[in-house]
Amino acid sequence: RSPVTRLASLRIPVMWQGGWWDIFQ
């Protein structure tokens, strides 16, 4: 259930926004 485990398989453009105080920071 962790995207980070298989991120190396992505060969496409990815954009994301996070927050310094986000629960997922």
PDB file of all heavy atoms in Angstrom:
ATOM      1  N   ARG A   1       0.803  -1.216   0.000  1.00  0.00           N
ATOM      2  CA  ARG A   1       0.000   0.000   0.000  1.00  0.00           C
ATOM      3  C   ARG A   1       0.842   1.275   0.000  1.00  0.00           C
ATOM      4  O   ARG A   1       0.282   2.368   0.127  1.00  0.00           O
ATOM      5  CB  ARG A   1      -0.933  -0.019   1.225  1.00  0.00           C
ATOM      6  CG  ARG A   1      -2.002  -1.109   1.119  1.00  0.00           C
ATOM      7  CD  ARG A   1      -2.568  -1.499   2.460  1.00  0.00           C
ATOM      8  NE  ARG A   1      -3.731  -2.380   2.331  1.00  0.00           N
ATOM      9  CZ  ARG A   1      -3.660  -3.696   2.145  1.00  0.00           C
ATOM     10  NH1 ARG A   1      -2.457  -4.286   2.051  1.00  0.00           N
ATOM     11  NH2 ARG A   1      -4.758  -4.418   2.032  1.00  0.00           N
ATOM     12  N   SER A   2       2.137   1.168  -0.151  1.00  0.00           N
ATOM     13  CA  SER A   2       3.040   2.315  -0.111  1.00  0.00           C
ATOM     14  C   SER A   2       3.519   2.655  -1.515  1.00  0.00           C
ATOM     15  O   SER A   2       4.304   1.906  -2.102  1.00  0.00           O
ATOM     16  CB  SER A   2       4.250   2.009   0.782  1.00  0.00           C
ATOM     17  OG  SER A   2       3.842   1.788   2.122  1.00  0.00           O
ATOM     18  N   PRO A   3       3.080   3.780  -2.091  1.00  0.00           N
ATOM     19  CA  PRO A   3       3.540   4.139  -3.439  1.00  0.00           C
ATOM     20  C   PRO A   3       5.052   4.179  -3.580  1.00  0.00           C
ATOM     21  O   PRO A   3       5.592   3.852  -4.640  1.00  0.00           O
ATOM     22  CB  PRO A   3       2.929   5.526  -3.654  1.00  0.00           C
ATOM     23  CG  PRO A   3       1.712   5.554  -2.784  1.00  0.00           C
ATOM     24  CD  PRO A   3       2.086   4.755  -1.570  1.00  0.00           C
ATOM     25  N   VAL A   4       5.764   4.581  -2.510  1.00  0.00           N
ATOM     26  CA  VAL A   4       7.211   4.727  -2.605  1.00  0.00           C
ATOM     27  C   VAL A   4       7.898   3.412  -2.945  1.00  0.00           C
ATOM     28  O   VAL A   4       8.996   3.401  -3.517  1.00  0.00           O
ATOM     29  CB  VAL A   4       7.773   5.317  -1.282  1.00  0.00           C
ATOM     30  CG1 VAL A   4       7.749   4.282  -0.158  1.00  0.00           C
ATOM     31  CG2 VAL A   4       9.166   5.887  -1.480  1.00  0.00           C
ATOM     32  N   THR A   5       7.265   2.283  -2.633  1.00  0.00           N
ATOM     33  CA  THR A   5       7.876   0.971  -2.865  1.00  0.00           C
ATOM     34  C   THR A   5       8.141   0.720  -4.346  1.00  0.00           C
ATOM     35  O   THR A   5       9.125   0.069  -4.710  1.00  0.00           O
ATOM     36  CB  THR A   5       6.957  -0.142  -2.311  1.00  0.00           C
ATOM     37  OG1 THR A   5       6.692   0.123  -0.933  1.00  0.00           O
ATOM     38  CG2 THR A   5       7.605  -1.502  -2.439  1.00  0.00           C
ATOM     39  N   ARG A   6       7.260   1.237  -5.211  1.00  0.00           N
ATOM     40  CA  ARG A   6       7.369   0.932  -6.646  1.00  0.00           C
ATOM     41  C   ARG A   6       7.519   2.186  -7.504  1.00  0.00           C
ATOM     42  O   ARG A   6       7.270   2.146  -8.708  1.00  0.00           O
ATOM     43  CB  ARG A   6       6.134   0.132  -7.093  1.00  0.00           C
ATOM     44  CG  ARG A   6       6.021  -1.229  -6.418  1.00  0.00           C
ATOM     45  CD  ARG A   6       4.745  -1.957  -6.819  1.00  0.00           C
ATOM     46  NE  ARG A   6       3.562  -1.227  -6.399  1.00  0.00           N
ATOM     47  CZ  ARG A   6       3.039  -1.282  -5.174  1.00  0.00           C
ATOM     48  NH1 ARG A   6       3.592  -2.057  -4.255  1.00  0.00           N
ATOM     49  NH2 ARG A   6       1.962  -0.576  -4.857  1.00  0.00           N
ATOM     50  N   LEU A   7       7.929   3.298  -6.906  1.00  0.00           N
ATOM     51  CA  LEU A   7       8.044   4.537  -7.673  1.00  0.00           C
ATOM     52  C   LEU A   7       9.051   4.440  -8.810  1.00  0.00           C
ATOM     53  O   LEU A   7       8.925   5.128  -9.829  1.00  0.00           O
ATOM     54  CB  LEU A   7       8.436   5.688  -6.754  1.00  0.00           C
ATOM     55  CG  LEU A   7       7.313   6.317  -5.923  1.00  0.00           C
ATOM     56  CD1 LEU A   7       7.885   7.419  -5.036  1.00  0.00           C
ATOM     57  CD2 LEU A   7       6.222   6.892  -6.820  1.00  0.00           C
ATOM     58  N   ALA A   8      10.058   3.602  -8.657  1.00  0.00           N
ATOM     59  CA  ALA A   8      11.063   3.476  -9.712  1.00  0.00           C
ATOM     60  C   ALA A   8      10.468   2.920 -11.003  1.00  0.00           C
ATOM     61  O   ALA A   8      11.075   3.036 -12.069  1.00  0.00           O
ATOM     62  CB  ALA A   8      12.213   2.586  -9.245  1.00  0.00           C
ATOM     63  N   SER A   9       9.272   2.319 -10.929  1.00  0.00           N
ATOM     64  CA  SER A   9       8.641   1.772 -12.134  1.00  0.00           C
ATOM     65  C   SER A   9       8.000   2.859 -12.991  1.00  0.00           C
ATOM     66  O   SER A   9       7.638   2.604 -14.150  1.00  0.00           O
ATOM     67  CB  SER A   9       7.574   0.734 -11.753  1.00  0.00           C
ATOM     68  OG  SER A   9       6.454   1.352 -11.124  1.00  0.00           O
ATOM     69  N   LEU A  10       7.846   4.073 -12.447  1.00  0.00           N
ATOM     70  CA  LEU A  10       7.184   5.150 -13.185  1.00  0.00           C
ATOM     71  C   LEU A  10       8.153   5.794 -14.164  1.00  0.00           C
ATOM     72  O   LEU A  10       9.234   6.264 -13.788  1.00  0.00           O
ATOM     73  CB  LEU A  10       6.640   6.207 -12.224  1.00  0.00           C
ATOM     74  CG  LEU A  10       5.563   5.743 -11.232  1.00  0.00           C
ATOM     75  CD1 LEU A  10       5.011   6.930 -10.461  1.00  0.00           C
ATOM     76  CD2 LEU A  10       4.439   5.003 -11.945  1.00  0.00           C
ATOM     77  N   ARG A  11       7.735   5.828 -15.411  1.00  0.00           N
ATOM     78  CA  ARG A  11       8.513   6.468 -16.469  1.00  0.00           C
ATOM     79  C   ARG A  11       7.670   7.514 -17.174  1.00  0.00           C
ATOM     80  O   ARG A  11       7.732   7.677 -18.394  1.00  0.00           O
ATOM     81  CB  ARG A  11       9.039   5.413 -17.443  1.00  0.00           C
ATOM     82  CG  ARG A  11       9.937   4.381 -16.762  1.00  0.00           C
ATOM     83  CD  ARG A  11      10.438   3.304 -17.704  1.00  0.00           C
ATOM     84  NE  ARG A  11      11.239   2.323 -17.006  1.00  0.00           N
ATOM     85  CZ  ARG A  11      12.544   2.453 -16.741  1.00  0.00           C
ATOM     86  NH1 ARG A  11      13.191   3.539 -17.155  1.00  0.00           N
ATOM     87  NH2 ARG A  11      13.203   1.515 -16.095  1.00  0.00           N
ATOM     88  N   ILE A  12       6.861   8.195 -16.385  1.00  0.00           N
ATOM     89  CA  ILE A  12       5.939   9.206 -16.889  1.00  0.00           C
ATOM     90  C   ILE A  12       6.107  10.481 -16.066  1.00  0.00           C
ATOM     91  O   ILE A  12       6.666  10.454 -14.966  1.00  0.00           O
ATOM     92  CB  ILE A  12       4.471   8.723 -16.792  1.00  0.00           C
ATOM     93  CG1 ILE A  12       4.134   8.383 -15.337  1.00  0.00           C
ATOM     94  CG2 ILE A  12       4.226   7.540 -17.721  1.00  0.00           C
ATOM     95  CD1 ILE A  12       2.667   8.098 -15.103  1.00  0.00           C
ATOM     96  N   PRO A  13       5.626  11.623 -16.551  1.00  0.00           N
ATOM     97  CA  PRO A  13       5.700  12.866 -15.781  1.00  0.00           C
ATOM     98  C   PRO A  13       4.773  12.829 -14.561  1.00  0.00           C
ATOM     99  O   PRO A  13       3.624  12.399 -14.659  1.00  0.00           O
ATOM    100  CB  PRO A  13       5.226  13.924 -16.781  1.00  0.00           C
ATOM    101  CG  PRO A  13       5.382  13.299 -18.127  1.00  0.00           C
ATOM    102  CD  PRO A  13       5.130  11.844 -17.917  1.00  0.00           C
ATOM    103  N   VAL A  14       5.275  13.274 -13.426  1.00  0.00           N
ATOM    104  CA  VAL A  14       4.506  13.300 -12.188  1.00  0.00           C
ATOM    105  C   VAL A  14       4.694  14.658 -11.511  1.00  0.00           C
ATOM    106  O   VAL A  14       5.821  15.131 -11.355  1.00  0.00           O
ATOM    107  CB  VAL A  14       4.938  12.182 -11.215  1.00  0.00           C
ATOM    108  CG1 VAL A  14       4.108  12.236  -9.932  1.00  0.00           C
ATOM    109  CG2 VAL A  14       4.815  10.813 -11.868  1.00  0.00           C
ATOM    110  N   MET A  15       3.583  15.269 -11.131  1.00  0.00           N
ATOM    111  CA  MET A  15       3.608  16.523 -10.379  1.00  0.00           C
ATOM    112  C   MET A  15       2.861  16.299  -9.074  1.00  0.00           C
ATOM    113  O   MET A  15       1.810  15.660  -9.071  1.00  0.00           O
ATOM    114  CB  MET A  15       2.936  17.646 -11.193  1.00  0.00           C
ATOM    115  CG  MET A  15       2.836  18.986 -10.466  1.00  0.00           C
ATOM    116  SD  MET A  15       1.925  20.238 -11.434  1.00  0.00           S
ATOM    117  CE  MET A  15       3.170  20.666 -12.667  1.00  0.00           C
ATOM    118  N   TRP A  16       3.404  16.813  -7.977  1.00  0.00           N
ATOM    119  CA  TRP A  16       2.698  16.691  -6.703  1.00  0.00           C
ATOM    120  C   TRP A  16       2.968  17.905  -5.829  1.00  0.00           C
ATOM    121  O   TRP A  16       3.956  18.607  -6.004  1.00  0.00           O
ATOM    122  CB  TRP A  16       3.053  15.397  -5.975  1.00  0.00           C
ATOM    123  CG  TRP A  16       4.436  15.306  -5.395  1.00  0.00           C
ATOM    124  CD1 TRP A  16       4.810  15.460  -4.096  1.00  0.00           C
ATOM    125  CD2 TRP A  16       5.639  14.983  -6.114  1.00  0.00           C
ATOM    126  NE1 TRP A  16       6.169  15.270  -3.942  1.00  0.00           N
ATOM    127  CE2 TRP A  16       6.696  14.978  -5.162  1.00  0.00           C
ATOM    128  CE3 TRP A  16       5.932  14.709  -7.447  1.00  0.00           C
ATOM    129  CZ2 TRP A  16       8.016  14.710  -5.527  1.00  0.00           C
ATOM    130  CZ3 TRP A  16       7.247  14.452  -7.811  1.00  0.00           C
ATOM    131  CH2 TRP A  16       8.269  14.451  -6.850  1.00  0.00           C
ATOM    132  N   GLN A  17       2.023  18.149  -4.933  1.00  0.00           N
ATOM    133  CA  GLN A  17       2.175  19.238  -3.975  1.00  0.00           C
ATOM    134  C   GLN A  17       1.978  18.711  -2.567  1.00  0.00           C
ATOM    135  O   GLN A  17       1.037  17.966  -2.288  1.00  0.00           O
ATOM    136  CB  GLN A  17       1.151  20.343  -4.232  1.00  0.00           C
ATOM    137  CG  GLN A  17       1.300  21.536  -3.279  1.00  0.00           C
ATOM    138  CD  GLN A  17       0.077  21.791  -2.429  1.00  0.00           C
ATOM    139  OE1 GLN A  17      -1.026  21.922  -2.950  1.00  0.00           O
ATOM    140  NE2 GLN A  17       0.265  21.834  -1.116  1.00  0.00           N
ATOM    141  N   GLY A  18       2.900  19.064  -1.678  1.00  0.00           N
ATOM    142  CA  GLY A  18       2.804  18.670  -0.288  1.00  0.00           C
ATOM    143  C   GLY A  18       2.782  19.891   0.616  1.00  0.00           C
ATOM    144  O   GLY A  18       2.875  21.032   0.160  1.00  0.00           O
ATOM    145  N   GLY A  19       2.661  19.644   1.912  1.00  0.00           N
ATOM    146  CA  GLY A  19       2.623  20.724   2.887  1.00  0.00           C
ATOM    147  C   GLY A  19       3.631  20.496   3.992  1.00  0.00           C
ATOM    148  O   GLY A  19       3.815  19.364   4.449  1.00  0.00           O
ATOM    149  N   TRP A  20       4.274  21.567   4.431  1.00  0.00           N
ATOM    150  CA  TRP A  20       5.258  21.433   5.504  1.00  0.00           C
ATOM    151  C   TRP A  20       4.630  20.901   6.784  1.00  0.00           C
ATOM    152  O   TRP A  20       5.314  20.297   7.614  1.00  0.00           O
ATOM    153  CB  TRP A  20       5.908  22.783   5.780  1.00  0.00           C
ATOM    154  CG  TRP A  20       6.830  23.273   4.707  1.00  0.00           C
ATOM    155  CD1 TRP A  20       6.743  24.451   4.023  1.00  0.00           C
ATOM    156  CD2 TRP A  20       8.006  22.610   4.200  1.00  0.00           C
ATOM    157  NE1 TRP A  20       7.783  24.572   3.123  1.00  0.00           N
ATOM    158  CE2 TRP A  20       8.582  23.449   3.214  1.00  0.00           C
ATOM    159  CE3 TRP A  20       8.628  21.385   4.474  1.00  0.00           C
ATOM    160  CZ2 TRP A  20       9.735  23.117   2.505  1.00  0.00           C
ATOM    161  CZ3 TRP A  20       9.779  21.046   3.767  1.00  0.00           C
ATOM    162  CH2 TRP A  20      10.319  21.904   2.806  1.00  0.00           C
ATOM    163  N   TRP A  21       3.327  21.121   6.983  1.00  0.00           N
ATOM    164  CA  TRP A  21       2.653  20.639   8.185  1.00  0.00           C
ATOM    165  C   TRP A  21       1.652  19.537   7.859  1.00  0.00           C
ATOM    166  O   TRP A  21       0.828  19.169   8.695  1.00  0.00           O
ATOM    167  CB  TRP A  21       1.935  21.797   8.896  1.00  0.00           C
ATOM    168  CG  TRP A  21       2.801  22.988   9.077  1.00  0.00           C
ATOM    169  CD1 TRP A  21       4.106  23.005   9.509  1.00  0.00           C
ATOM    170  CD2 TRP A  21       2.457  24.352   8.813  1.00  0.00           C
ATOM    171  NE1 TRP A  21       4.584  24.286   9.538  1.00  0.00           N
ATOM    172  CE2 TRP A  21       3.599  25.143   9.123  1.00  0.00           C
ATOM    173  CE3 TRP A  21       1.304  24.987   8.380  1.00  0.00           C
ATOM    174  CZ2 TRP A  21       3.607  26.518   8.986  1.00  0.00           C
ATOM    175  CZ3 TRP A  21       1.304  26.376   8.244  1.00  0.00           C
ATOM    176  CH2 TRP A  21       2.449  27.120   8.538  1.00  0.00           C
ATOM    177  N   ASP A  22       1.707  19.027   6.652  1.00  0.00           N
ATOM    178  CA  ASP A  22       0.802  17.958   6.247  1.00  0.00           C
ATOM    179  C   ASP A  22       1.096  16.699   7.059  1.00  0.00           C
ATOM    180  O   ASP A  22       2.238  16.451   7.466  1.00  0.00           O
ATOM    181  CB  ASP A  22       0.989  17.680   4.758  1.00  0.00           C
ATOM    182  CG  ASP A  22       0.003  16.667   4.204  1.00  0.00           C
ATOM    183  OD1 ASP A  22      -0.980  16.339   4.900  1.00  0.00           O
ATOM    184  OD2 ASP A  22       0.209  16.209   3.072  1.00  0.00           O
ATOM    185  N   ILE A  23       0.082  15.899   7.274  1.00  0.00           N
ATOM    186  CA  ILE A  23       0.291  14.626   7.966  1.00  0.00           C
ATOM    187  C   ILE A  23       1.267  13.727   7.203  1.00  0.00           C
ATOM    188  O   ILE A  23       1.960  12.896   7.788  1.00  0.00           O
ATOM    189  CB  ILE A  23      -1.063  13.910   8.192  1.00  0.00           C
ATOM    190  CG1 ILE A  23      -0.880  12.719   9.130  1.00  0.00           C
ATOM    191  CG2 ILE A  23      -1.705  13.519   6.871  1.00  0.00           C
ATOM    192  CD1 ILE A  23      -2.188  12.080   9.527  1.00  0.00           C
ATOM    193  N   PHE A  24       1.377  13.916   5.886  1.00  0.00           N
ATOM    194  CA  PHE A  24       2.269  13.095   5.066  1.00  0.00           C
ATOM    195  C   PHE A  24       3.592  13.802   4.770  1.00  0.00           C
ATOM    196  O   PHE A  24       4.308  13.403   3.850  1.00  0.00           O
ATOM    197  CB  PHE A  24       1.590  12.742   3.743  1.00  0.00           C
ATOM    198  CG  PHE A  24       0.287  12.004   3.885  1.00  0.00           C
ATOM    199  CD1 PHE A  24      -0.754  12.228   2.999  1.00  0.00           C
ATOM    200  CD2 PHE A  24       0.090  11.089   4.903  1.00  0.00           C
ATOM    201  CE1 PHE A  24      -1.957  11.556   3.114  1.00  0.00           C
ATOM    202  CE2 PHE A  24      -1.103  10.408   5.038  1.00  0.00           C
ATOM    203  CZ  PHE A  24      -2.135  10.641   4.146  1.00  0.00           C
ATOM    204  N   GLN A  25       3.918  14.843   5.525  1.00  0.00           N
ATOM    205  CA  GLN A  25       5.102  15.662   5.225  1.00  0.00           C
ATOM    206  C   GLN A  25       6.375  14.837   5.140  1.00  0.00           C
ATOM    207  O   GLN A  25       7.234  15.087   4.291  1.00  0.00           O
ATOM    208  CB  GLN A  25       5.237  16.759   6.277  1.00  0.00           C
ATOM    209  CG  GLN A  25       6.440  17.676   6.081  1.00  0.00           C
ATOM    210  CD  GLN A  25       7.719  17.139   6.697  1.00  0.00           C
ATOM    211  OE1 GLN A  25       7.672  16.377   7.659  1.00  0.00           O
ATOM    212  NE2 GLN A  25       8.854  17.511   6.139  1.00  0.00           N
TER     213      GLN A  25
END
